[in-house]
Amino acid sequence: MDLVISNVRILLEGDEIDRGWLAVDAGKISAFNAGDVPPEFAEVDEIDGQKLTLAAGFVDIHVHGAMGHEAMDADPDALIAMAQFYAQHGVTSFLPTTWTANHAQIMAALAAITEMVGVDSGGAQIIGAHVEGPYLNPAKSGAQDPAVIRRATQAEIREILETGVVRLLALAPEYLENRAIIPLCREYGVKVSAAHTDATYDDLRAAVGLGLTQTTHTYNAMRGLHHREPGMVGGALTIDALYCEVIPDDNHLHPAVIDLLWRVKGRDKTVIITDAVRGTGLDDGRTYLQDGREVRIQRGAARLPDGTLAGSILTMDEAVQNFIDATRAPLTDALRCASLIPARAIGMDHRKGSIAPGKDADLILFDADLNIYLTMVNGEVVHASAT
């Protein structure tokens, strides 16, 4: 036995322990129960949780960067800096997310991510890669560079998939060339999401029939809802099989449409993400270059000179609180949408996303205001602050 966390409220899947303890052995959750630590654990290292709440750590499956770094830097040191920053905000595992670029740049980013999968970074654990683009629709490019958006080819996608590191790939499903790669992605165990798309409702239905399972930053950069053509938004909300990402940063979406998505998709299909970019964690007023274009951090948002949102500067602890504010969802449900459901959406819920015996000891300790006091990854404390 490695250690015991005691004197904590423990949030389980569908239940909670008002005051109890949890034991960690070899990086896994081994046991938990109500009350005081049993006598057989007397010689084990103990962390006094000081009546704070213990829950599964956040799983961010759509996040590009932080602290001046991004996945497209193709630099293991940049990924380490990102991982350590995310851990401070309760993230225990994440998918570094690429964006539209030339093939060589994407492959270089995937090579760096491959090198860092499962590595002890002193922060959140990298569990794979999310490839967002380049197979998008230039009419819905958002901050993605339309000059290098292109249709999928079998040769290019095979090289991407054969890295073995990709867990999620986002594309515009209205193009037949893009839809044609969905079954191939499934063969490699890669989930497919609809993103930056002008797809009709029928296009989306066709893609779901081929194996598409998710919508990327729902509402944003996609065809909206119309009463005679439900569009991507109508499909996202009404096709039960789809997981729906949502960015609750108070910039990308009005709280009312977050609430609408929550009421329709609920606690089993809503996925809270940050879509955080290089400027996350930097001071307001800072500027940096993205694909040669200037991005400015201003009043809680990252924007191109024309005002287009360029990702977010959101952290997961803020995201969960904003989601609760918008939806009045119970804390346990909001946490579930930031941990178990994203893990499930990428097929990792057997290891990540909830407190259960045998699962990875990826845990967070926080107060009533969602201030993160401790983050643990695979049984190792990677962030701690004084209560």
Protein backbone atom coordinates (compact mmCIF):
# COMPACT_ATOMS: atom_id res chain seq x y z
CA MET A 1 0.00 0.00 0.00
CA ASP A 2 1.41 3.42 -1.02
CA LEU A 3 -0.74 5.91 0.87
CA VAL A 4 -4.16 6.74 2.28
CA ILE A 5 -6.12 9.97 1.88
CA SER A 6 -8.32 10.46 4.95
CA ASN A 7 -10.87 12.85 6.39
CA VAL A 8 -12.48 13.61 3.03
CA ARG A 9 -15.86 13.70 1.36
CA ILE A 10 -15.58 11.23 -1.52
CA LEU A 11 -17.63 11.60 -4.72
CA LEU A 12 -18.26 8.25 -6.37
CA GLU A 13 -20.16 7.40 -9.52
CA GLY A 14 -23.77 7.77 -8.42
CA ASP A 15 -22.96 7.94 -4.71
CA GLU A 16 -20.84 9.73 -2.14
CA ILE A 17 -19.21 9.18 1.22
CA ASP A 18 -19.71 12.12 3.56
CA ARG A 19 -16.50 11.45 5.48
CA GLY A 20 -14.12 8.67 4.66
CA TRP A 21 -10.79 7.46 3.35
CA LEU A 22 -9.28 6.15 0.13
CA ALA A 23 -6.23 3.92 -0.30
CA VAL A 24 -3.80 3.92 -3.22
CA ASP A 25 -1.59 0.98 -4.15
CA ALA A 26 0.85 0.89 -7.09
CA GLY A 27 -0.81 3.90 -8.72
CA LYS A 28 -4.31 2.40 -8.54
CA ILE A 29 -7.30 2.98 -6.30
CA SER A 30 -7.34 -0.08 -4.06
CA ALA A 31 -10.04 0.61 -1.46
CA PHE A 32 -12.23 3.27 0.12
CA ASN A 33 -14.87 3.46 2.81
CA ALA A 34 -16.61 5.68 5.31
CA GLY A 35 -15.18 6.59 8.69
CA ASP A 36 -11.63 6.57 10.01
CA VAL A 37 -8.67 4.85 8.41
CA PRO A 38 -8.63 1.15 9.40
CA PRO A 39 -5.90 -0.04 11.80
CA GLU A 40 -4.26 -2.18 9.09
CA PHE A 41 -3.19 1.03 7.35
CA ALA A 42 -1.45 2.41 10.44
CA GLU A 43 2.02 2.24 8.87
CA VAL A 44 0.96 3.72 5.51
CA ASP A 45 1.69 7.33 4.53
CA GLU A 46 -1.42 9.40 5.16
CA ILE A 47 -2.70 12.63 3.62
CA ASP A 48 -5.21 14.47 5.80
CA GLY A 49 -7.83 15.82 3.42
CA GLN A 50 -9.07 18.33 6.02
CA LYS A 51 -12.74 17.68 5.17
CA LEU A 52 -12.28 18.75 1.54
CA THR A 53 -13.91 16.91 -1.37
CA LEU A 54 -12.11 14.11 -3.20
CA ALA A 55 -13.16 13.29 -6.76
CA ALA A 56 -11.80 11.88 -10.00
CA GLY A 57 -9.53 14.28 -11.86
CA PHE A 58 -10.62 16.15 -14.98
CA VAL A 59 -10.04 14.63 -18.42
CA ASP A 60 -9.65 17.34 -21.07
CA ILE A 61 -9.97 15.76 -24.51
CA HIS A 62 -9.79 19.03 -26.47
CA VAL A 63 -6.97 21.34 -25.42
CA HIS A 64 -4.27 22.95 -27.55
CA GLY A 65 -1.93 24.77 -25.19
CA ALA A 66 -1.10 27.02 -22.23
CA MET A 67 1.61 29.26 -20.81
CA GLY A 68 2.99 30.22 -24.22
CA HIS A 69 3.12 26.63 -25.54
CA GLU A 70 0.96 24.53 -27.85
CA ALA A 71 0.84 20.98 -29.16
CA MET A 72 1.81 22.20 -32.63
CA ASP A 73 5.20 23.31 -31.26
CA ALA A 74 6.15 19.61 -31.61
CA ASP A 75 8.29 19.98 -28.49
CA PRO A 76 8.22 17.53 -25.54
CA ASP A 77 9.28 20.32 -23.18
CA ALA A 78 6.27 22.37 -24.27
CA LEU A 79 3.99 19.42 -23.55
CA ILE A 80 5.53 19.06 -20.08
CA ALA A 81 4.91 22.75 -19.32
CA MET A 82 1.31 22.38 -20.48
CA ALA A 83 0.81 19.22 -18.40
CA GLN A 84 2.11 20.89 -15.25
CA PHE A 85 -0.13 23.94 -15.75
CA TYR A 86 -3.22 21.82 -16.36
CA ALA A 87 -2.56 19.82 -13.18
CA GLN A 88 -2.78 23.03 -11.15
CA HIS A 89 -6.37 23.30 -12.38
CA GLY A 90 -7.42 19.73 -11.66
CA VAL A 91 -6.66 18.03 -14.98
CA THR A 92 -5.17 14.56 -14.52
CA SER A 93 -5.16 13.41 -18.16
CA PHE A 94 -5.54 15.11 -21.53
CA LEU A 95 -5.28 14.85 -25.29
CA PRO A 96 -2.90 17.47 -26.74
CA THR A 97 -4.84 18.77 -29.72
CA THR A 98 -3.40 19.68 -33.11
CA TRP A 99 -4.92 22.06 -35.63
CA THR A 100 -4.96 22.52 -39.39
CA ALA A 101 -1.44 22.62 -40.82
CA ASN A 102 0.59 20.92 -43.50
CA HIS A 103 1.11 17.19 -43.16
CA ALA A 104 4.72 17.44 -42.01
CA GLN A 105 3.79 19.80 -39.17
CA ILE A 106 0.98 17.54 -37.98
CA MET A 107 3.24 14.49 -38.09
CA ALA A 108 5.94 16.32 -36.13
CA ALA A 109 3.40 17.26 -33.44
CA LEU A 110 2.17 13.67 -33.26
CA ALA A 111 5.75 12.40 -32.94
CA ALA A 112 6.31 14.64 -29.89
CA ILE A 113 3.02 13.56 -28.34
CA THR A 114 3.87 9.90 -28.94
CA GLU A 115 7.15 10.41 -27.11
CA MET A 116 5.30 11.81 -24.09
CA VAL A 117 2.34 9.42 -23.77
CA GLY A 118 2.35 7.92 -20.28
CA VAL A 119 5.56 9.73 -19.30
CA ASP A 120 5.76 11.12 -15.77
CA SER A 121 5.80 14.84 -16.51
CA GLY A 122 5.15 16.07 -12.99
CA GLY A 123 1.71 17.08 -14.24
CA ALA A 124 -1.33 15.75 -16.05
CA GLN A 125 -0.83 12.56 -18.03
CA ILE A 126 -0.89 12.59 -21.83
CA ILE A 127 -3.12 9.71 -22.93
CA GLY A 128 -3.05 10.25 -26.69
CA ALA A 129 -3.65 12.92 -29.32
CA HIS A 130 -6.66 14.72 -30.73
CA VAL A 131 -6.29 15.70 -34.40
CA GLU A 132 -8.59 18.67 -35.14
CA GLY A 133 -8.36 19.24 -38.88
CA PRO A 134 -7.11 19.61 -41.53
CA TYR A 135 -10.22 17.93 -42.97
CA LEU A 136 -12.59 20.79 -42.24
CA ASN A 137 -14.83 23.19 -44.16
CA PRO A 138 -13.12 26.51 -44.98
CA ALA A 139 -16.49 28.28 -44.74
CA LYS A 140 -16.53 27.35 -41.02
CA SER A 141 -12.80 27.65 -40.38
CA GLY A 142 -13.03 29.94 -37.36
CA ALA A 143 -9.43 30.50 -36.27
CA GLN A 144 -8.17 27.50 -38.28
CA ASP A 145 -6.09 28.53 -41.31
CA PRO A 146 -8.34 28.10 -44.38
CA ALA A 147 -5.31 28.11 -46.69
CA VAL A 148 -4.31 24.61 -45.56
CA ILE A 149 -7.75 23.08 -44.99
CA ARG A 150 -8.17 20.14 -47.36
CA ARG A 151 -10.17 16.98 -48.06
CA ALA A 152 -9.00 13.70 -46.56
CA THR A 153 -6.94 11.24 -48.58
CA GLN A 154 -6.43 7.59 -47.72
CA ALA A 155 -2.64 7.90 -47.89
CA GLU A 156 -2.44 10.88 -45.55
CA ILE A 157 -4.89 9.56 -42.99
CA ARG A 158 -3.21 6.15 -42.88
CA GLU A 159 0.10 7.76 -41.97
CA ILE A 160 -1.63 9.74 -39.21
CA LEU A 161 -3.45 6.70 -37.85
CA GLU A 162 -0.41 4.45 -37.99
CA THR A 163 1.32 6.62 -35.39
CA GLY A 164 -0.91 4.75 -32.94
CA VAL A 165 -1.23 7.85 -30.76
CA VAL A 166 -4.48 9.36 -32.08
CA ARG A 167 -7.60 8.76 -29.99
CA LEU A 168 -9.89 11.41 -31.50
CA LEU A 169 -10.03 12.95 -34.98
CA ALA A 170 -12.29 15.86 -35.93
CA LEU A 171 -13.50 16.47 -39.50
CA ALA A 172 -16.25 18.07 -41.58
CA PRO A 173 -18.55 15.18 -42.52
CA GLU A 174 -20.32 16.87 -45.45
CA TYR A 175 -17.49 15.91 -47.81
CA LEU A 176 -17.59 12.37 -49.18
CA GLU A 177 -13.78 12.11 -49.00
CA ASN A 178 -13.93 12.88 -45.29
CA ARG A 179 -16.80 10.51 -44.60
CA ALA A 180 -14.88 7.77 -46.40
CA ILE A 181 -12.18 7.71 -43.71
CA ILE A 182 -14.56 7.23 -40.77
CA PRO A 183 -14.64 3.41 -41.07
CA LEU A 184 -10.83 3.38 -41.32
CA CYS A 185 -10.57 5.43 -38.14
CA ARG A 186 -12.83 2.92 -36.43
CA GLU A 187 -10.52 0.10 -37.52
CA TYR A 188 -7.68 1.86 -35.70
CA GLY A 189 -9.81 2.45 -32.60
CA VAL A 190 -9.96 6.21 -33.22
CA LYS A 191 -13.15 8.11 -32.40
CA VAL A 192 -14.40 10.64 -34.96
CA SER A 193 -16.04 14.00 -34.25
CA ALA A 194 -17.84 16.52 -36.50
CA ALA A 195 -16.05 19.87 -36.50
CA HIS A 196 -15.83 23.19 -38.35
CA THR A 197 -18.62 22.00 -40.56
CA ASP A 198 -21.51 23.18 -42.70
CA ALA A 199 -23.00 19.68 -42.72
CA THR A 200 -26.74 19.30 -43.02
CA TYR A 201 -28.73 17.13 -40.69
CA ASP A 202 -28.76 14.39 -43.34
CA ASP A 203 -24.97 14.65 -43.78
CA LEU A 204 -24.53 14.18 -40.05
CA ARG A 205 -26.90 11.20 -39.97
CA ALA A 206 -24.91 9.58 -42.76
CA ALA A 207 -21.64 10.12 -40.87
CA VAL A 208 -23.12 8.70 -37.66
CA GLY A 209 -24.14 5.65 -39.64
CA LEU A 210 -20.48 5.18 -40.58
CA GLY A 211 -19.29 5.51 -36.99
CA LEU A 212 -18.99 9.22 -36.09
CA THR A 213 -19.68 9.57 -32.36
CA GLN A 214 -19.12 13.18 -31.30
CA THR A 215 -19.54 16.87 -32.10
CA THR A 216 -16.67 19.30 -31.58
CA HIS A 217 -17.28 22.48 -29.51
CA THR A 218 -21.01 22.16 -30.15
CA TYR A 219 -22.71 25.25 -31.63
CA ASN A 220 -19.38 26.83 -32.57
CA ALA A 221 -18.17 26.70 -36.20
CA MET A 222 -21.09 24.58 -37.39
CA ARG A 223 -24.39 24.94 -39.26
CA GLY A 224 -27.04 26.16 -36.84
CA LEU A 225 -30.56 25.03 -36.07
CA HIS A 226 -33.35 25.94 -38.50
CA HIS A 227 -36.95 24.76 -38.21
CA ARG A 228 -36.91 23.29 -41.73
CA GLU A 229 -33.29 22.09 -41.75
CA PRO A 230 -32.14 20.99 -38.29
CA GLY A 231 -28.50 21.32 -39.34
CA MET A 232 -25.52 20.24 -37.30
CA VAL A 233 -26.85 21.78 -34.10
CA GLY A 234 -30.22 20.07 -34.48
CA GLY A 235 -28.49 16.78 -35.17
CA ALA A 236 -26.12 17.15 -32.24
CA LEU A 237 -29.00 17.75 -29.87
CA THR A 238 -31.35 15.06 -31.16
CA ILE A 239 -29.14 12.14 -32.23
CA ASP A 240 -28.87 10.22 -28.99
CA ALA A 241 -25.64 8.43 -29.91
CA LEU A 242 -23.61 11.64 -30.10
CA TYR A 243 -21.40 12.98 -27.35
CA CYS A 244 -21.38 16.79 -27.44
CA GLU A 245 -18.37 18.90 -26.47
CA VAL A 246 -19.12 22.29 -24.94
CA ILE A 247 -16.85 25.26 -24.09
CA PRO A 248 -18.32 27.04 -21.02
CA ASP A 249 -16.06 30.11 -21.04
CA ASP A 250 -18.77 32.82 -21.23
CA ASN A 251 -17.39 33.87 -24.63
CA HIS A 252 -18.08 31.01 -27.03
CA LEU A 253 -21.65 30.43 -25.86
CA HIS A 254 -24.52 32.16 -24.11
CA PRO A 255 -25.34 30.39 -20.84
CA ALA A 256 -28.86 29.67 -22.13
CA VAL A 257 -27.61 27.49 -24.99
CA ILE A 258 -25.31 25.62 -22.61
CA ASP A 259 -28.38 25.00 -20.48
CA LEU A 260 -30.31 23.82 -23.54
CA LEU A 261 -27.60 21.33 -24.45
CA TRP A 262 -27.48 20.09 -20.85
CA ARG A 263 -31.26 19.61 -20.70
CA VAL A 264 -31.22 17.57 -23.92
CA LYS A 265 -27.94 15.60 -23.71
CA GLY A 266 -27.74 15.26 -19.94
CA ARG A 267 -25.16 13.67 -17.69
CA ASP A 268 -24.21 10.86 -20.09
CA LYS A 269 -23.47 12.71 -23.35
CA THR A 270 -22.24 16.18 -22.34
CA VAL A 271 -18.47 16.66 -22.53
CA ILE A 272 -16.93 19.74 -20.92
CA ILE A 273 -13.77 20.90 -22.71
CA THR A 274 -11.56 23.98 -22.58
CA ASP A 275 -10.25 24.28 -26.17
CA ALA A 276 -7.48 26.22 -24.39
CA VAL A 277 -4.70 27.73 -26.51
CA ARG A 278 -1.22 29.16 -26.11
CA GLY A 279 -2.36 32.27 -24.24
CA THR A 280 -3.99 30.34 -21.38
CA GLY A 281 -2.39 31.39 -18.12
CA LEU A 282 -0.79 34.51 -19.64
CA ASP A 283 -1.57 38.07 -18.57
CA ASP A 284 -4.38 40.06 -20.14
CA GLY A 285 -3.15 42.20 -23.01
CA ARG A 286 -0.51 39.75 -24.20
CA THR A 287 -0.24 39.01 -27.92
CA TYR A 288 1.34 36.09 -29.77
CA LEU A 289 1.44 34.65 -33.26
CA GLN A 290 -0.63 31.69 -34.46
CA ASP A 291 0.03 30.61 -38.07
CA GLY A 292 1.50 34.05 -38.67
CA ARG A 293 -1.62 35.80 -37.39
CA GLU A 294 -1.65 37.89 -34.25
CA VAL A 295 -3.78 36.67 -31.34
CA ARG A 296 -4.52 38.98 -28.44
CA ILE A 297 -5.59 38.02 -24.93
CA GLN A 298 -8.22 40.48 -23.86
CA ARG A 299 -10.95 40.38 -21.21
CA GLY A 300 -10.85 36.63 -20.82
CA ALA A 301 -10.74 35.71 -24.51
CA ALA A 302 -8.20 34.96 -27.24
CA ARG A 303 -9.09 36.75 -30.49
CA LEU A 304 -7.72 37.40 -33.96
CA PRO A 305 -7.52 41.06 -35.07
CA ASP A 306 -10.97 40.78 -36.70
CA GLY A 307 -12.49 39.66 -33.39
CA THR A 308 -12.75 35.96 -34.26
CA LEU A 309 -12.35 33.76 -31.21
CA ALA A 310 -9.12 31.73 -31.45
CA GLY A 311 -9.78 28.96 -28.96
CA SER A 312 -10.15 29.86 -25.30
CA ILE A 313 -8.01 30.70 -22.28
CA LEU A 314 -10.26 28.63 -20.05
CA THR A 315 -9.11 26.21 -17.35
CA MET A 316 -11.08 23.12 -16.38
CA ASP A 317 -11.86 24.23 -12.83
CA GLU A 318 -13.33 27.45 -14.24
CA ALA A 319 -15.15 25.48 -16.93
CA VAL A 320 -16.92 23.28 -14.39
CA GLN A 321 -17.95 26.28 -12.28
CA ASN A 322 -19.22 28.18 -15.35
CA PHE A 323 -21.15 25.09 -16.44
CA ILE A 324 -22.83 24.87 -13.03
CA ASP A 325 -23.67 28.59 -13.16
CA ALA A 326 -25.23 28.20 -16.62
CA THR A 327 -27.19 25.00 -16.00
CA ARG A 328 -27.69 24.71 -12.23
CA ALA A 329 -26.49 21.14 -12.66
CA PRO A 330 -25.57 19.31 -9.45
CA LEU A 331 -21.85 19.39 -8.69
CA THR A 332 -21.60 15.63 -9.11
CA ASP A 333 -23.10 15.80 -12.61
CA ALA A 334 -20.88 18.70 -13.70
CA LEU A 335 -17.79 16.86 -12.45
CA ARG A 336 -18.96 13.74 -14.30
CA CYS A 337 -19.13 15.73 -17.55
CA ALA A 338 -15.53 16.82 -17.03
CA SER A 339 -14.14 13.42 -16.06
CA LEU A 340 -16.03 10.17 -16.68
CA ILE A 341 -17.93 11.25 -19.81
CA PRO A 342 -14.92 12.59 -21.74
CA ALA A 343 -13.01 9.46 -20.74
CA ARG A 344 -15.90 7.35 -22.00
CA ALA A 345 -16.14 9.34 -25.24
CA ILE A 346 -12.59 8.26 -26.16
CA GLY A 347 -12.82 4.74 -24.78
CA MET A 348 -10.70 5.32 -21.67
CA ASP A 349 -13.32 5.02 -18.94
CA HIS A 350 -12.02 1.59 -17.91
CA ARG A 351 -9.01 3.45 -16.46
CA LYS A 352 -9.95 7.09 -16.07
CA GLY A 353 -12.76 9.37 -14.98
CA SER A 354 -14.21 7.96 -11.75
CA ILE A 355 -13.31 6.58 -8.36
CA ALA A 356 -13.54 2.80 -8.45
CA PRO A 357 -11.27 -0.05 -7.31
CA GLY A 358 -8.59 -0.84 -9.86
CA LYS A 359 -8.84 2.46 -11.72
CA ASP A 360 -5.87 4.81 -12.00
CA ALA A 361 -5.49 6.94 -8.88
CA ASP A 362 -6.13 10.20 -10.76
CA LEU A 363 -7.67 12.37 -8.06
CA ILE A 364 -8.37 15.95 -7.09
CA LEU A 365 -9.03 17.52 -3.71
CA PHE A 366 -11.00 20.79 -3.71
CA ASP A 367 -13.17 23.09 -1.60
CA ALA A 368 -16.72 24.36 -2.00
CA ASP A 369 -15.55 27.03 -4.47
CA LEU A 370 -13.74 24.47 -6.66
CA ASN A 371 -10.32 25.69 -5.62
CA ILE A 372 -7.93 22.80 -6.34
CA TYR A 373 -5.72 21.95 -3.36
CA LEU A 374 -4.27 18.66 -4.56
CA THR A 375 -3.95 16.84 -7.86
CA MET A 376 -2.78 13.24 -8.00
CA VAL A 377 -1.87 11.32 -11.16
CA ASN A 378 -1.36 7.56 -11.00
CA GLY A 379 -0.99 7.82 -7.25
CA GLU A 380 1.64 10.59 -7.33
CA VAL A 381 0.95 14.11 -6.09
CA VAL A 382 1.70 16.49 -8.98
CA HIS A 383 0.18 19.63 -7.48
CA ALA A 384 -0.44 20.68 -3.90
CA SER A 385 -1.28 23.99 -2.25
CA ALA A 386 -1.88 24.92 1.37
CA THR A 387 -5.47 24.94 2.67
